[in-house]
Amino acid sequence: MTLEILTPERKIFSDEVYGVQLPGIGGLFEVLDRHAPLVSALKEGTLKILVDKTATTSFAIKSGFVEVLNNKTTVLVEGAVES
């Protein structure tokens, strides 16, 4: 699936990934390949990118939203820093 992480200033990340773990306002959740369409609010926390089944990358994010549609996940946040 394609993952994009965007802030008001710039695109932070854009690549093909295995999945992503997100800090939703109702708790942590995960989006994998071919996930059903989804829109959710995000709270401040850690976003973990599952690059493949063994490698991960993390970002500390501020609040925002995520949209999953047609095997593309778009994360719109107020700020993100690789951690």
C-alpha atoms as a PDB file:
ATOM      1  CA  MET A   1       0.000   0.000   0.000  1.00  0.00           C
ATOM      2  CA  THR A   2       1.049   3.601  -0.500  1.00  0.00           C
ATOM      3  CA  LEU A   3       1.572   5.757   2.598  1.00  0.00           C
ATOM      4  CA  GLU A   4       1.836   9.550   2.582  1.00  0.00           C
ATOM      5  CA  ILE A   5       2.423  11.682   5.676  1.00  0.00           C
ATOM      6  CA  LEU A   6       1.668  15.376   5.122  1.00  0.00           C
ATOM      7  CA  THR A   7       1.950  18.474   7.307  1.00  0.00           C
ATOM      8  CA  PRO A   8       0.835  22.010   6.405  1.00  0.00           C
ATOM      9  CA  GLU A   9       4.476  22.793   5.541  1.00  0.00           C
ATOM     10  CA  ARG A  10       5.576  19.764   3.503  1.00  0.00           C
ATOM     11  CA  LYS A  11       5.365  16.076   2.620  1.00  0.00           C
ATOM     12  CA  ILE A  12       7.185  14.125   5.343  1.00  0.00           C
ATOM     13  CA  PHE A  13       6.975  10.605   3.861  1.00  0.00           C
ATOM     14  CA  SER A  14       5.756   8.943   0.667  1.00  0.00           C
ATOM     15  CA  ASP A  15       6.473   5.303  -0.214  1.00  0.00           C
ATOM     16  CA  GLU A  16       5.129   1.767  -0.511  1.00  0.00           C
ATOM     17  CA  VAL A  17       4.845   0.084   2.918  1.00  0.00           C
ATOM     18  CA  TYR A  18       3.549  -3.117   4.504  1.00  0.00           C
ATOM     19  CA  GLY A  19       1.368  -1.249   7.012  1.00  0.00           C
ATOM     20  CA  VAL A  20       1.112   1.553   9.548  1.00  0.00           C
ATOM     21  CA  GLN A  21       0.147   1.804  13.236  1.00  0.00           C
ATOM     22  CA  LEU A  22      -1.669   4.999  14.194  1.00  0.00           C
ATOM     23  CA  PRO A  23      -2.690   6.700  17.485  1.00  0.00           C
ATOM     24  CA  GLY A  24      -6.436   7.147  16.969  1.00  0.00           C
ATOM     25  CA  ILE A  25      -8.487   9.160  19.444  1.00  0.00           C
ATOM     26  CA  GLY A  26     -10.157   5.892  20.514  1.00  0.00           C
ATOM     27  CA  GLY A  27      -6.855   4.003  20.764  1.00  0.00           C
ATOM     28  CA  LEU A  28      -4.052   2.545  18.685  1.00  0.00           C
ATOM     29  CA  PHE A  29      -5.029   0.868  15.397  1.00  0.00           C
ATOM     30  CA  GLU A  30      -3.274  -0.630  12.384  1.00  0.00           C
ATOM     31  CA  VAL A  31      -3.867  -0.319   8.644  1.00  0.00           C
ATOM     32  CA  LEU A  32      -2.521  -3.060   6.366  1.00  0.00           C
ATOM     33  CA  ASP A  33      -2.578  -3.722   2.607  1.00  0.00           C
ATOM     34  CA  ARG A  34      -6.088  -3.597   1.047  1.00  0.00           C
ATOM     35  CA  HIS A  35      -7.727  -2.172   4.202  1.00  0.00           C
ATOM     36  CA  ALA A  36     -11.362  -1.112   3.928  1.00  0.00           C
ATOM     37  CA  PRO A  37     -12.010   2.630   3.340  1.00  0.00           C
ATOM     38  CA  LEU A  38     -11.633   4.613   6.561  1.00  0.00           C
ATOM     39  CA  VAL A  39     -11.444   8.175   7.893  1.00  0.00           C
ATOM     40  CA  SER A  40     -10.350   8.704  11.499  1.00  0.00           C
ATOM     41  CA  ALA A  41      -9.126  11.469  13.788  1.00  0.00           C
ATOM     42  CA  LEU A  42      -5.646  11.063  15.265  1.00  0.00           C
ATOM     43  CA  LYS A  43      -4.249  12.255  18.573  1.00  0.00           C
ATOM     44  CA  GLU A  44      -0.690  13.194  19.451  1.00  0.00           C
ATOM     45  CA  GLY A  45       1.487  10.101  19.719  1.00  0.00           C
ATOM     46  CA  THR A  46       3.714   7.705  17.814  1.00  0.00           C
ATOM     47  CA  LEU A  47       3.011   6.635  14.241  1.00  0.00           C
ATOM     48  CA  LYS A  48       4.878   3.425  13.378  1.00  0.00           C
ATOM     49  CA  ILE A  49       5.515   2.571   9.724  1.00  0.00           C
ATOM     50  CA  LEU A  50       5.828  -1.147   8.999  1.00  0.00           C
ATOM     51  CA  VAL A  51       8.252  -0.915   6.076  1.00  0.00           C
ATOM     52  CA  ASP A  52       8.091  -4.706   5.688  1.00  0.00           C
ATOM     53  CA  LYS A  53       7.415  -7.609   8.061  1.00  0.00           C
ATOM     54  CA  THR A  54      10.651  -6.975   9.996  1.00  0.00           C
ATOM     55  CA  ALA A  55      11.652  -3.277   9.611  1.00  0.00           C
ATOM     56  CA  THR A  56       9.903  -0.259  11.144  1.00  0.00           C
ATOM     57  CA  THR A  57      10.278   3.524  11.222  1.00  0.00           C
ATOM     58  CA  SER A  58       8.577   5.812  13.734  1.00  0.00           C
ATOM     59  CA  PHE A  59       7.379   9.422  13.762  1.00  0.00           C
ATOM     60  CA  ALA A  60       6.188  11.511  16.711  1.00  0.00           C
ATOM     61  CA  ILE A  61       3.041  13.170  15.363  1.00  0.00           C
ATOM     62  CA  LYS A  62       0.674  15.888  16.498  1.00  0.00           C
ATOM     63  CA  SER A  63      -3.083  15.611  16.064  1.00  0.00           C
ATOM     64  CA  GLY A  64      -4.659  15.221  12.645  1.00  0.00           C
ATOM     65  CA  PHE A  65      -6.589  12.826  10.421  1.00  0.00           C
ATOM     66  CA  VAL A  66      -6.034   9.679   8.363  1.00  0.00           C
ATOM     67  CA  GLU A  67      -7.848   8.608   5.201  1.00  0.00           C
ATOM     68  CA  VAL A  68      -7.619   5.098   3.727  1.00  0.00           C
ATOM     69  CA  LEU A  69      -8.960   4.729   0.184  1.00  0.00           C
ATOM     70  CA  ASN A  70      -8.033   2.499  -2.778  1.00  0.00           C
ATOM     71  CA  ASN A  71      -4.976   0.995  -1.028  1.00  0.00           C
ATOM     72  CA  LYS A  72      -3.571   4.464  -0.269  1.00  0.00           C
ATOM     73  CA  THR A  73      -3.248   5.802   3.271  1.00  0.00           C
ATOM     74  CA  THR A  74      -2.946   9.579   3.648  1.00  0.00           C
ATOM     75  CA  VAL A  75      -2.020  10.976   7.064  1.00  0.00           C
ATOM     76  CA  LEU A  76      -2.640  14.721   7.540  1.00  0.00           C
ATOM     77  CA  VAL A  77      -1.092  16.013  10.778  1.00  0.00           C
ATOM     78  CA  GLU A  78      -0.167  19.356  12.311  1.00  0.00           C
ATOM     79  CA  GLY A  79       3.434  18.234  12.741  1.00  0.00           C
ATOM     80  CA  ALA A  80       5.673  15.146  12.557  1.00  0.00           C
ATOM     81  CA  VAL A  81       9.265  14.405  13.580  1.00  0.00           C
ATOM     82  CA  GLU A  82      11.094  11.166  12.875  1.00  0.00           C
ATOM     83  CA  SER A  83      11.930   9.419  16.128  1.00  0.00           C
END
